[in-house]
Amino acid sequence: FRSYVVEQAVSSAESALNSAISRIDDREDKLEAKERELRQEGLTDEQRQRIRERIREVRGEIRDARRDARQSEDDLHHARIEARMVIGMIGGRYGVW
């Protein structure tokens, strides 16, 4: 049972990391699009201000996603250590198959 729980922890941490990486990529694409939009000619001051505000929001979302990715990397590292310990316990108790 414990090996199943550990496997699920590894799988969950991998999924969270992949999700965070995907969010980073998505937000970086949005940031690039908004920066291109800001460089367009003929925008009013109000339009430029709204775009700048959205750029700030997207940068914050990127920071949050990077923080989540770092946390997920840590969680994955710890889950893998736990998995190795459980495998070692099982191997020590039942021998290698």
PDB file of N, CA and C in Angstrom:
ATOM      1  N   PHE A   1       0.822  -1.200   0.000  1.00  0.00           N
ATOM      2  CA  PHE A   1       0.000   0.000   0.000  1.00  0.00           C
ATOM      3  C   PHE A   1       0.856   1.251   0.000  1.00  0.00           C
ATOM      4  N   ARG A   2       1.918   1.232   0.798  1.00  0.00           N
ATOM      5  CA  ARG A   2       2.759   2.421   0.891  1.00  0.00           C
ATOM      6  C   ARG A   2       3.436   2.723  -0.438  1.00  0.00           C
ATOM      7  N   SER A   3       3.825   1.675  -1.164  1.00  0.00           N
ATOM      8  CA  SER A   3       4.456   1.909  -2.462  1.00  0.00           C
ATOM      9  C   SER A   3       3.468   2.586  -3.415  1.00  0.00           C
ATOM     10  N   TYR A   4       2.186   2.220  -3.345  1.00  0.00           N
ATOM     11  CA  TYR A   4       1.163   2.855  -4.173  1.00  0.00           C
ATOM     12  C   TYR A   4       1.049   4.338  -3.829  1.00  0.00           C
ATOM     13  N   VAL A   5       1.017   4.660  -2.552  1.00  0.00           N
ATOM     14  CA  VAL A   5       0.904   6.048  -2.103  1.00  0.00           C
ATOM     15  C   VAL A   5       2.108   6.859  -2.584  1.00  0.00           C
ATOM     16  N   VAL A   6       3.288   6.274  -2.495  1.00  0.00           N
ATOM     17  CA  VAL A   6       4.506   6.960  -2.930  1.00  0.00           C
ATOM     18  C   VAL A   6       4.478   7.167  -4.441  1.00  0.00           C
ATOM     19  N   GLU A   7       4.049   6.153  -5.184  1.00  0.00           N
ATOM     20  CA  GLU A   7       3.930   6.289  -6.640  1.00  0.00           C
ATOM     21  C   GLU A   7       2.966   7.411  -6.998  1.00  0.00           C
ATOM     22  N   GLN A   8       1.876   7.499  -6.273  1.00  0.00           N
ATOM     23  CA  GLN A   8       0.893   8.552  -6.527  1.00  0.00           C
ATOM     24  C   GLN A   8       1.477   9.931  -6.207  1.00  0.00           C
ATOM     25  N   ALA A   9       2.283  10.021  -5.166  1.00  0.00           N
ATOM     26  CA  ALA A   9       2.918  11.295  -4.820  1.00  0.00           C
ATOM     27  C   ALA A   9       3.873  11.731  -5.925  1.00  0.00           C
ATOM     28  N   VAL A  10       4.638  10.800  -6.464  1.00  0.00           N
ATOM     29  CA  VAL A  10       5.557  11.115  -7.568  1.00  0.00           C
ATOM     30  C   VAL A  10       4.750  11.561  -8.782  1.00  0.00           C
ATOM     31  N   SER A  11       3.709  10.817  -9.115  1.00  0.00           N
ATOM     32  CA  SER A  11       2.881  11.145 -10.268  1.00  0.00           C
ATOM     33  C   SER A  11       2.216  12.515 -10.111  1.00  0.00           C
ATOM     34  N   SER A  12       1.718  12.790  -8.940  1.00  0.00           N
ATOM     35  CA  SER A  12       1.068  14.072  -8.663  1.00  0.00           C
ATOM     36  C   SER A  12       2.058  15.228  -8.781  1.00  0.00           C
ATOM     37  N   ALA A  13       3.255  15.041  -8.239  1.00  0.00           N
ATOM     38  CA  ALA A  13       4.281  16.085  -8.312  1.00  0.00           C
ATOM     39  C   ALA A  13       4.716  16.316  -9.758  1.00  0.00           C
ATOM     40  N   GLU A  14       4.840  15.249 -10.538  1.00  0.00           N
ATOM     41  CA  GLU A  14       5.188  15.395 -11.956  1.00  0.00           C
ATOM     42  C   GLU A  14       4.102  16.166 -12.700  1.00  0.00           C
ATOM     43  N   SER A  15       2.860  15.841 -12.411  1.00  0.00           N
ATOM     44  CA  SER A  15       1.731  16.519 -13.050  1.00  0.00           C
ATOM     45  C   SER A  15       1.704  18.003 -12.689  1.00  0.00           C
ATOM     46  N   ALA A  16       1.915  18.319 -11.419  1.00  0.00           N
ATOM     47  CA  ALA A  16       1.929  19.717 -10.980  1.00  0.00           C
ATOM     48  C   ALA A  16       3.068  20.486 -11.641  1.00  0.00           C
ATOM     49  N   LEU A  17       4.229  19.846 -11.769  1.00  0.00           N
ATOM     50  CA  LEU A  17       5.360  20.493 -12.421  1.00  0.00           C
ATOM     51  C   LEU A  17       5.053  20.754 -13.893  1.00  0.00           C
ATOM     52  N   ASN A  18       4.510  19.752 -14.575  1.00  0.00           N
ATOM     53  CA  ASN A  18       4.164  19.927 -15.989  1.00  0.00           C
ATOM     54  C   ASN A  18       3.129  21.030 -16.175  1.00  0.00           C
ATOM     55  N   SER A  19       2.172  21.099 -15.274  1.00  0.00           N
ATOM     56  CA  SER A  19       1.141  22.132 -15.332  1.00  0.00           C
ATOM     57  C   SER A  19       1.751  23.526 -15.152  1.00  0.00           C
ATOM     58  N   ALA A  20       2.650  23.653 -14.187  1.00  0.00           N
ATOM     59  CA  ALA A  20       3.295  24.946 -13.946  1.00  0.00           C
ATOM     60  C   ALA A  20       4.139  25.366 -15.143  1.00  0.00           C
ATOM     61  N   ILE A  21       4.857  24.420 -15.727  1.00  0.00           N
ATOM     62  CA  ILE A  21       5.681  24.726 -16.902  1.00  0.00           C
ATOM     63  C   ILE A  21       4.787  25.169 -18.061  1.00  0.00           C
ATOM     64  N   SER A  22       3.674  24.500 -18.232  1.00  0.00           N
ATOM     65  CA  SER A  22       2.726  24.864 -19.282  1.00  0.00           C
ATOM     66  C   SER A  22       2.173  26.268 -19.054  1.00  0.00           C
ATOM     67  N   ARG A  23       1.857  26.602 -17.792  1.00  0.00           N
ATOM     68  CA  ARG A  23       1.366  27.951 -17.469  1.00  0.00           C
ATOM     69  C   ARG A  23       2.428  28.998 -17.767  1.00  0.00           C
ATOM     70  N   ILE A  24       3.679  28.694 -17.438  1.00  0.00           N
ATOM     71  CA  ILE A  24       4.766  29.631 -17.725  1.00  0.00           C
ATOM     72  C   ILE A  24       4.832  29.890 -19.228  1.00  0.00           C
ATOM     73  N   ASP A  25       4.839  28.824 -20.014  1.00  0.00           N
ATOM     74  CA  ASP A  25       4.916  28.978 -21.471  1.00  0.00           C
ATOM     75  C   ASP A  25       3.743  29.794 -21.998  1.00  0.00           C
ATOM     76  N   ASP A  26       2.542  29.483 -21.519  1.00  0.00           N
ATOM     77  CA  ASP A  26       1.346  30.197 -21.965  1.00  0.00           C
ATOM     78  C   ASP A  26       1.424  31.681 -21.618  1.00  0.00           C
ATOM     79  N   ARG A  27       1.816  31.991 -20.389  1.00  0.00           N
ATOM     80  CA  ARG A  27       1.878  33.393 -19.958  1.00  0.00           C
ATOM     81  C   ARG A  27       2.995  34.150 -20.678  1.00  0.00           C
ATOM     82  N   GLU A  28       4.112  33.467 -20.952  1.00  0.00           N
ATOM     83  CA  GLU A  28       5.181  34.130 -21.698  1.00  0.00           C
ATOM     84  C   GLU A  28       4.719  34.465 -23.114  1.00  0.00           C
ATOM     85  N   ASP A  29       3.930  33.580 -23.717  1.00  0.00           N
ATOM     86  CA  ASP A  29       3.355  33.875 -25.039  1.00  0.00           C
ATOM     87  C   ASP A  29       2.421  35.084 -24.960  1.00  0.00           C
ATOM     88  N   LYS A  30       1.588  35.122 -23.918  1.00  0.00           N
ATOM     89  CA  LYS A  30       0.679  36.255 -23.739  1.00  0.00           C
ATOM     90  C   LYS A  30       1.450  37.552 -23.528  1.00  0.00           C
ATOM     91  N   LEU A  31       2.528  37.464 -22.748  1.00  0.00           N
ATOM     92  CA  LEU A  31       3.348  38.646 -22.498  1.00  0.00           C
ATOM     93  C   LEU A  31       3.944  39.178 -23.798  1.00  0.00           C
ATOM     94  N   GLU A  32       4.486  38.299 -24.612  1.00  0.00           N
ATOM     95  CA  GLU A  32       5.054  38.714 -25.891  1.00  0.00           C
ATOM     96  C   GLU A  32       3.998  39.361 -26.776  1.00  0.00           C
ATOM     97  N   ALA A  33       2.793  38.790 -26.788  1.00  0.00           N
ATOM     98  CA  ALA A  33       1.709  39.348 -27.605  1.00  0.00           C
ATOM     99  C   ALA A  33       1.327  40.742 -27.116  1.00  0.00           C
ATOM    100  N   LYS A  34       1.236  40.912 -25.810  1.00  0.00           N
ATOM    101  CA  LYS A  34       0.879  42.226 -25.260  1.00  0.00           C
ATOM    102  C   LYS A  34       1.986  43.247 -25.515  1.00  0.00           C
ATOM    103  N   GLU A  35       3.241  42.821 -25.436  1.00  0.00           N
ATOM    104  CA  GLU A  35       4.345  43.747 -25.721  1.00  0.00           C
ATOM    105  C   GLU A  35       4.328  44.169 -27.186  1.00  0.00           C
ATOM    106  N   ARG A  36       4.000  43.232 -28.090  1.00  0.00           N
ATOM    107  CA  ARG A  36       3.856  43.580 -29.511  1.00  0.00           C
ATOM    108  C   ARG A  36       2.702  44.563 -29.696  1.00  0.00           C
ATOM    109  N   GLU A  37       1.608  44.283 -29.002  1.00  0.00           N
ATOM    110  CA  GLU A  37       0.436  45.162 -29.084  1.00  0.00           C
ATOM    111  C   GLU A  37       0.775  46.570 -28.618  1.00  0.00           C
ATOM    112  N   LEU A  38       1.556  46.671 -27.575  1.00  0.00           N
ATOM    113  CA  LEU A  38       1.929  47.978 -27.032  1.00  0.00           C
ATOM    114  C   LEU A  38       2.770  48.781 -28.021  1.00  0.00           C
ATOM    115  N   ARG A  39       3.524  48.092 -28.863  1.00  0.00           N
ATOM    116  CA  ARG A  39       4.385  48.776 -29.838  1.00  0.00           C
ATOM    117  C   ARG A  39       3.623  49.255 -31.077  1.00  0.00           C
ATOM    118  N   GLN A  40       2.360  48.912 -31.169  1.00  0.00           N
ATOM    119  CA  GLN A  40       1.579  49.315 -32.340  1.00  0.00           C
ATOM    120  C   GLN A  40       1.378  50.824 -32.390  1.00  0.00           C
ATOM    121  N   GLU A  41       1.313  51.320 -33.601  1.00  0.00           N
ATOM    122  CA  GLU A  41       1.051  52.748 -33.814  1.00  0.00           C
ATOM    123  C   GLU A  41      -0.433  53.034 -33.617  1.00  0.00           C
ATOM    124  N   GLY A  42      -0.739  54.257 -33.256  1.00  0.00           N
ATOM    125  CA  GLY A  42      -2.119  54.724 -33.229  1.00  0.00           C
ATOM    126  C   GLY A  42      -2.914  54.377 -31.988  1.00  0.00           C
ATOM    127  N   LEU A  43      -2.284  53.874 -30.951  1.00  0.00           N
ATOM    128  CA  LEU A  43      -3.000  53.564 -29.716  1.00  0.00           C
ATOM    129  C   LEU A  43      -3.216  54.840 -28.911  1.00  0.00           C
ATOM    130  N   THR A  44      -4.349  54.926 -28.255  1.00  0.00           N
ATOM    131  CA  THR A  44      -4.592  56.063 -27.368  1.00  0.00           C
ATOM    132  C   THR A  44      -3.825  55.845 -26.067  1.00  0.00           C
ATOM    133  N   ASP A  45      -3.682  56.901 -25.298  1.00  0.00           N
ATOM    134  CA  ASP A  45      -3.018  56.777 -23.991  1.00  0.00           C
ATOM    135  C   ASP A  45      -3.762  55.789 -23.094  1.00  0.00           C
ATOM    136  N   GLU A  46      -5.087  55.826 -23.172  1.00  0.00           N
ATOM    137  CA  GLU A  46      -5.892  54.919 -22.352  1.00  0.00           C
ATOM    138  C   GLU A  46      -5.651  53.461 -22.760  1.00  0.00           C
ATOM    139  N   GLN A  47      -5.591  53.207 -24.062  1.00  0.00           N
ATOM    140  CA  GLN A  47      -5.321  51.846 -24.540  1.00  0.00           C
ATOM    141  C   GLN A  47      -3.937  51.384 -24.095  1.00  0.00           C
ATOM    142  N   ARG A  48      -2.954  52.267 -24.216  1.00  0.00           N
ATOM    143  CA  ARG A  48      -1.599  51.924 -23.781  1.00  0.00           C
ATOM    144  C   ARG A  48      -1.565  51.602 -22.294  1.00  0.00           C
ATOM    145  N   GLN A  49      -2.298  52.381 -21.513  1.00  0.00           N
ATOM    146  CA  GLN A  49      -2.331  52.150 -20.064  1.00  0.00           C
ATOM    147  C   GLN A  49      -2.950  50.798 -19.741  1.00  0.00           C
ATOM    148  N   ARG A  50      -4.040  50.453 -20.414  1.00  0.00           N
ATOM    149  CA  ARG A  50      -4.681  49.149 -20.185  1.00  0.00           C
ATOM    150  C   ARG A  50      -3.740  48.004 -20.557  1.00  0.00           C
ATOM    151  N   ILE A  51      -3.026  48.180 -21.658  1.00  0.00           N
ATOM    152  CA  ILE A  51      -2.075  47.142 -22.081  1.00  0.00           C
ATOM    153  C   ILE A  51      -0.953  47.018 -21.063  1.00  0.00           C
ATOM    154  N   ARG A  52      -0.431  48.141 -20.590  1.00  0.00           N
ATOM    155  CA  ARG A  52       0.639  48.100 -19.567  1.00  0.00           C
ATOM    156  C   ARG A  52       0.171  47.409 -18.295  1.00  0.00           C
ATOM    157  N   GLU A  53      -1.083  47.687 -17.900  1.00  0.00           N
ATOM    158  CA  GLU A  53      -1.627  47.034 -16.707  1.00  0.00           C
ATOM    159  C   GLU A  53      -1.710  45.524 -16.912  1.00  0.00           C
ATOM    160  N   ARG A  54      -2.145  45.120 -18.095  1.00  0.00           N
ATOM    161  CA  ARG A  54      -2.237  43.680 -18.380  1.00  0.00           C
ATOM    162  C   ARG A  54      -0.847  43.052 -18.408  1.00  0.00           C
ATOM    163  N   ILE A  55       0.131  43.783 -18.939  1.00  0.00           N
ATOM    164  CA  ILE A  55       1.515  43.286 -18.945  1.00  0.00           C
ATOM    165  C   ILE A  55       1.990  43.045 -17.517  1.00  0.00           C
ATOM    166  N   ARG A  56       1.695  43.991 -16.623  1.00  0.00           N
ATOM    167  CA  ARG A  56       2.074  43.810 -15.212  1.00  0.00           C
ATOM    168  C   ARG A  56       1.391  42.582 -14.617  1.00  0.00           C
ATOM    169  N   GLU A  57       0.104  42.405 -14.931  1.00  0.00           N
ATOM    170  CA  GLU A  57      -0.628  41.236 -14.416  1.00  0.00           C
ATOM    171  C   GLU A  57      -0.006  39.942 -14.921  1.00  0.00           C
ATOM    172  N   VAL A  58       0.303  39.900 -16.213  1.00  0.00           N
ATOM    173  CA  VAL A  58       0.874  38.687 -16.804  1.00  0.00           C
ATOM    174  C   VAL A  58       2.241  38.399 -16.204  1.00  0.00           C
ATOM    175  N   ARG A  59       3.041  39.434 -15.981  1.00  0.00           N
ATOM    176  CA  ARG A  59       4.348  39.222 -15.337  1.00  0.00           C
ATOM    177  C   ARG A  59       4.173  38.635 -13.947  1.00  0.00           C
ATOM    178  N   GLY A  60       3.158  39.099 -13.217  1.00  0.00           N
ATOM    179  CA  GLY A  60       2.869  38.525 -11.902  1.00  0.00           C
ATOM    180  C   GLY A  60       2.451  37.069 -12.010  1.00  0.00           C
ATOM    181  N   GLU A  61       1.654  36.750 -13.030  1.00  0.00           N
ATOM    182  CA  GLU A  61       1.244  35.364 -13.251  1.00  0.00           C
ATOM    183  C   GLU A  61       2.454  34.487 -13.582  1.00  0.00           C
ATOM    184  N   ILE A  62       3.400  35.031 -14.333  1.00  0.00           N
ATOM    185  CA  ILE A  62       4.622  34.284 -14.652  1.00  0.00           C
ATOM    186  C   ILE A  62       5.428  34.034 -13.372  1.00  0.00           C
ATOM    187  N   ARG A  63       5.557  35.058 -12.536  1.00  0.00           N
ATOM    188  CA  ARG A  63       6.268  34.875 -11.259  1.00  0.00           C
ATOM    189  C   ARG A  63       5.602  33.792 -10.422  1.00  0.00           C
ATOM    190  N   ASP A  64       4.267  33.840 -10.344  1.00  0.00           N
ATOM    191  CA  ASP A  64       3.530  32.837  -9.566  1.00  0.00           C
ATOM    192  C   ASP A  64       3.743  31.439 -10.128  1.00  0.00           C
ATOM    193  N   ALA A  65       3.686  31.309 -11.448  1.00  0.00           N
ATOM    194  CA  ALA A  65       3.862  29.997 -12.078  1.00  0.00           C
ATOM    195  C   ALA A  65       5.281  29.486 -11.862  1.00  0.00           C
ATOM    196  N   ARG A  66       6.263  30.374 -11.913  1.00  0.00           N
ATOM    197  CA  ARG A  66       7.654  29.952 -11.653  1.00  0.00           C
ATOM    198  C   ARG A  66       7.824  29.495 -10.209  1.00  0.00           C
ATOM    199  N   ARG A  67       7.171  30.201  -9.294  1.00  0.00           N
ATOM    200  CA  ARG A  67       7.217  29.795  -7.881  1.00  0.00           C
ATOM    201  C   ARG A  67       6.565  28.425  -7.722  1.00  0.00           C
ATOM    202  N   ASP A  68       5.426  28.229  -8.378  1.00  0.00           N
ATOM    203  CA  ASP A  68       4.751  26.930  -8.324  1.00  0.00           C
ATOM    204  C   ASP A  68       5.625  25.830  -8.920  1.00  0.00           C
ATOM    205  N   ALA A  69       6.337  26.158 -10.004  1.00  0.00           N
ATOM    206  CA  ALA A  69       7.223  25.165 -10.630  1.00  0.00           C
ATOM    207  C   ALA A  69       8.351  24.784  -9.677  1.00  0.00           C
ATOM    208  N   ARG A  70       8.936  25.780  -9.015  1.00  0.00           N
ATOM    209  CA  ARG A  70      10.006  25.471  -8.048  1.00  0.00           C
ATOM    210  C   ARG A  70       9.481  24.601  -6.913  1.00  0.00           C
ATOM    211  N   GLN A  71       8.285  24.909  -6.418  1.00  0.00           N
ATOM    212  CA  GLN A  71       7.690  24.104  -5.350  1.00  0.00           C
ATOM    213  C   GLN A  71       7.415  22.690  -5.839  1.00  0.00           C
ATOM    214  N   SER A  72       6.925  22.573  -7.053  1.00  0.00           N
ATOM    215  CA  SER A  72       6.650  21.251  -7.625  1.00  0.00           C
ATOM    216  C   SER A  72       7.931  20.460  -7.827  1.00  0.00           C
ATOM    217  N   GLU A  73       9.002  21.141  -8.230  1.00  0.00           N
ATOM    218  CA  GLU A  73      10.297  20.458  -8.361  1.00  0.00           C
ATOM    219  C   GLU A  73      10.749  19.920  -7.014  1.00  0.00           C
ATOM    220  N   ASP A  74      10.595  20.738  -5.965  1.00  0.00           N
ATOM    221  CA  ASP A  74      10.960  20.287  -4.615  1.00  0.00           C
ATOM    222  C   ASP A  74      10.097  19.099  -4.192  1.00  0.00           C
ATOM    223  N   ASP A  75       8.785  19.205  -4.433  1.00  0.00           N
ATOM    224  CA  ASP A  75       7.882  18.117  -4.073  1.00  0.00           C
ATOM    225  C   ASP A  75       8.257  16.832  -4.816  1.00  0.00           C
ATOM    226  N   LEU A  76       8.583  16.962  -6.093  1.00  0.00           N
ATOM    227  CA  LEU A  76       8.967  15.799  -6.895  1.00  0.00           C
ATOM    228  C   LEU A  76      10.265  15.186  -6.370  1.00  0.00           C
ATOM    229  N   HIS A  77      11.213  16.031  -6.038  1.00  0.00           N
ATOM    230  CA  HIS A  77      12.483  15.545  -5.487  1.00  0.00           C
ATOM    231  C   HIS A  77      12.235  14.736  -4.212  1.00  0.00           C
ATOM    232  N   HIS A  78      11.423  15.289  -3.315  1.00  0.00           N
ATOM    233  CA  HIS A  78      11.150  14.595  -2.051  1.00  0.00           C
ATOM    234  C   HIS A  78      10.346  13.311  -2.270  1.00  0.00           C
ATOM    235  N   ALA A  79       9.412  13.349  -3.211  1.00  0.00           N
ATOM    236  CA  ALA A  79       8.626  12.144  -3.501  1.00  0.00           C
ATOM    237  C   ALA A  79       9.520  11.045  -4.066  1.00  0.00           C
ATOM    238  N   ARG A  80      10.476  11.418  -4.907  1.00  0.00           N
ATOM    239  CA  ARG A  80      11.388  10.411  -5.468  1.00  0.00           C
ATOM    240  C   ARG A  80      12.301   9.828  -4.393  1.00  0.00           C
ATOM    241  N   ILE A  81      12.735  10.666  -3.464  1.00  0.00           N
ATOM    242  CA  ILE A  81      13.545  10.163  -2.346  1.00  0.00           C
ATOM    243  C   ILE A  81      12.726   9.159  -1.533  1.00  0.00           C
ATOM    244  N   GLU A  82      11.482   9.518  -1.238  1.00  0.00           N
ATOM    245  CA  GLU A  82      10.600   8.621  -0.486  1.00  0.00           C
ATOM    246  C   GLU A  82      10.395   7.319  -1.250  1.00  0.00           C
ATOM    247  N   ALA A  83      10.237   7.409  -2.568  1.00  0.00           N
ATOM    248  CA  ALA A  83      10.042   6.200  -3.382  1.00  0.00           C
ATOM    249  C   ALA A  83      11.267   5.293  -3.297  1.00  0.00           C
ATOM    250  N   ARG A  84      12.448   5.886  -3.373  1.00  0.00           N
ATOM    251  CA  ARG A  84      13.672   5.076  -3.264  1.00  0.00           C
ATOM    252  C   ARG A  84      13.769   4.412  -1.899  1.00  0.00           C
ATOM    253  N   MET A  85      13.352   5.125  -0.862  1.00  0.00           N
ATOM    254  CA  MET A  85      13.389   4.544   0.480  1.00  0.00           C
ATOM    255  C   MET A  85      12.425   3.366   0.587  1.00  0.00           C
ATOM    256  N   VAL A  86      11.230   3.528   0.042  1.00  0.00           N
ATOM    257  CA  VAL A  86      10.237   2.453   0.093  1.00  0.00           C
ATOM    258  C   VAL A  86      10.723   1.257  -0.709  1.00  0.00           C
ATOM    259  N   ILE A  87      11.272   1.495  -1.883  1.00  0.00           N
ATOM    260  CA  ILE A  87      11.805   0.397  -2.698  1.00  0.00           C
ATOM    261  C   ILE A  87      12.935  -0.309  -1.946  1.00  0.00           C
ATOM    262  N   GLY A  88      13.771   0.464  -1.278  1.00  0.00           N
ATOM    263  CA  GLY A  88      14.850  -0.124  -0.479  1.00  0.00           C
ATOM    264  C   GLY A  88      14.309  -0.969   0.659  1.00  0.00           C
ATOM    265  N   MET A  89      13.240  -0.487   1.313  1.00  0.00           N
ATOM    266  CA  MET A  89      12.627  -1.260   2.401  1.00  0.00           C
ATOM    267  C   MET A  89      12.039  -2.559   1.875  1.00  0.00           C
ATOM    268  N   ILE A  90      11.342  -2.471   0.755  1.00  0.00           N
ATOM    269  CA  ILE A  90      10.709  -3.665   0.181  1.00  0.00           C
ATOM    270  C   ILE A  90      11.790  -4.655  -0.257  1.00  0.00           C
ATOM    271  N   GLY A  91      12.820  -4.136  -0.908  1.00  0.00           N
ATOM    272  CA  GLY A  91      13.919  -4.993  -1.364  1.00  0.00           C
ATOM    273  C   GLY A  91      14.632  -5.654  -0.187  1.00  0.00           C
ATOM    274  N   GLY A  92      14.816  -4.899   0.890  1.00  0.00           N
ATOM    275  CA  GLY A  92      15.475  -5.448   2.069  1.00  0.00           C
ATOM    276  C   GLY A  92      14.613  -6.471   2.784  1.00  0.00           C
ATOM    277  N   ARG A  93      13.337  -6.283   2.719  1.00  0.00           N
ATOM    278  CA  ARG A  93      12.426  -7.173   3.410  1.00  0.00           C
ATOM    279  C   ARG A  93      12.113  -8.431   2.594  1.00  0.00           C
ATOM    280  N   TYR A  94      11.939  -8.272   1.290  1.00  0.00           N
ATOM    281  CA  TYR A  94      11.500  -9.391   0.464  1.00  0.00           C
ATOM    282  C   TYR A  94      12.552  -9.860  -0.532  1.00  0.00           C
ATOM    283  N   GLY A  95      13.670  -9.183  -0.595  1.00  0.00           N
ATOM    284  CA  GLY A  95      14.705  -9.569  -1.531  1.00  0.00           C
ATOM    285  C   GLY A  95      14.430  -8.989  -2.923  1.00  0.00           C
ATOM    286  N   VAL A  96      15.405  -9.088  -3.755  1.00  0.00           N
ATOM    287  CA  VAL A  96      15.275  -8.567  -5.121  1.00  0.00           C
ATOM    288  C   VAL A  96      14.688  -9.651  -5.982  1.00  0.00           C
ATOM    289  N   TRP A  97      13.738  -9.289  -6.844  1.00  0.00           N
ATOM    290  CA  TRP A  97      13.075 -10.282  -7.694  1.00  0.00           C
ATOM    291  C   TRP A  97      13.812 -10.478  -8.962  1.00  0.00           C
TER     292      TRP A  97
END
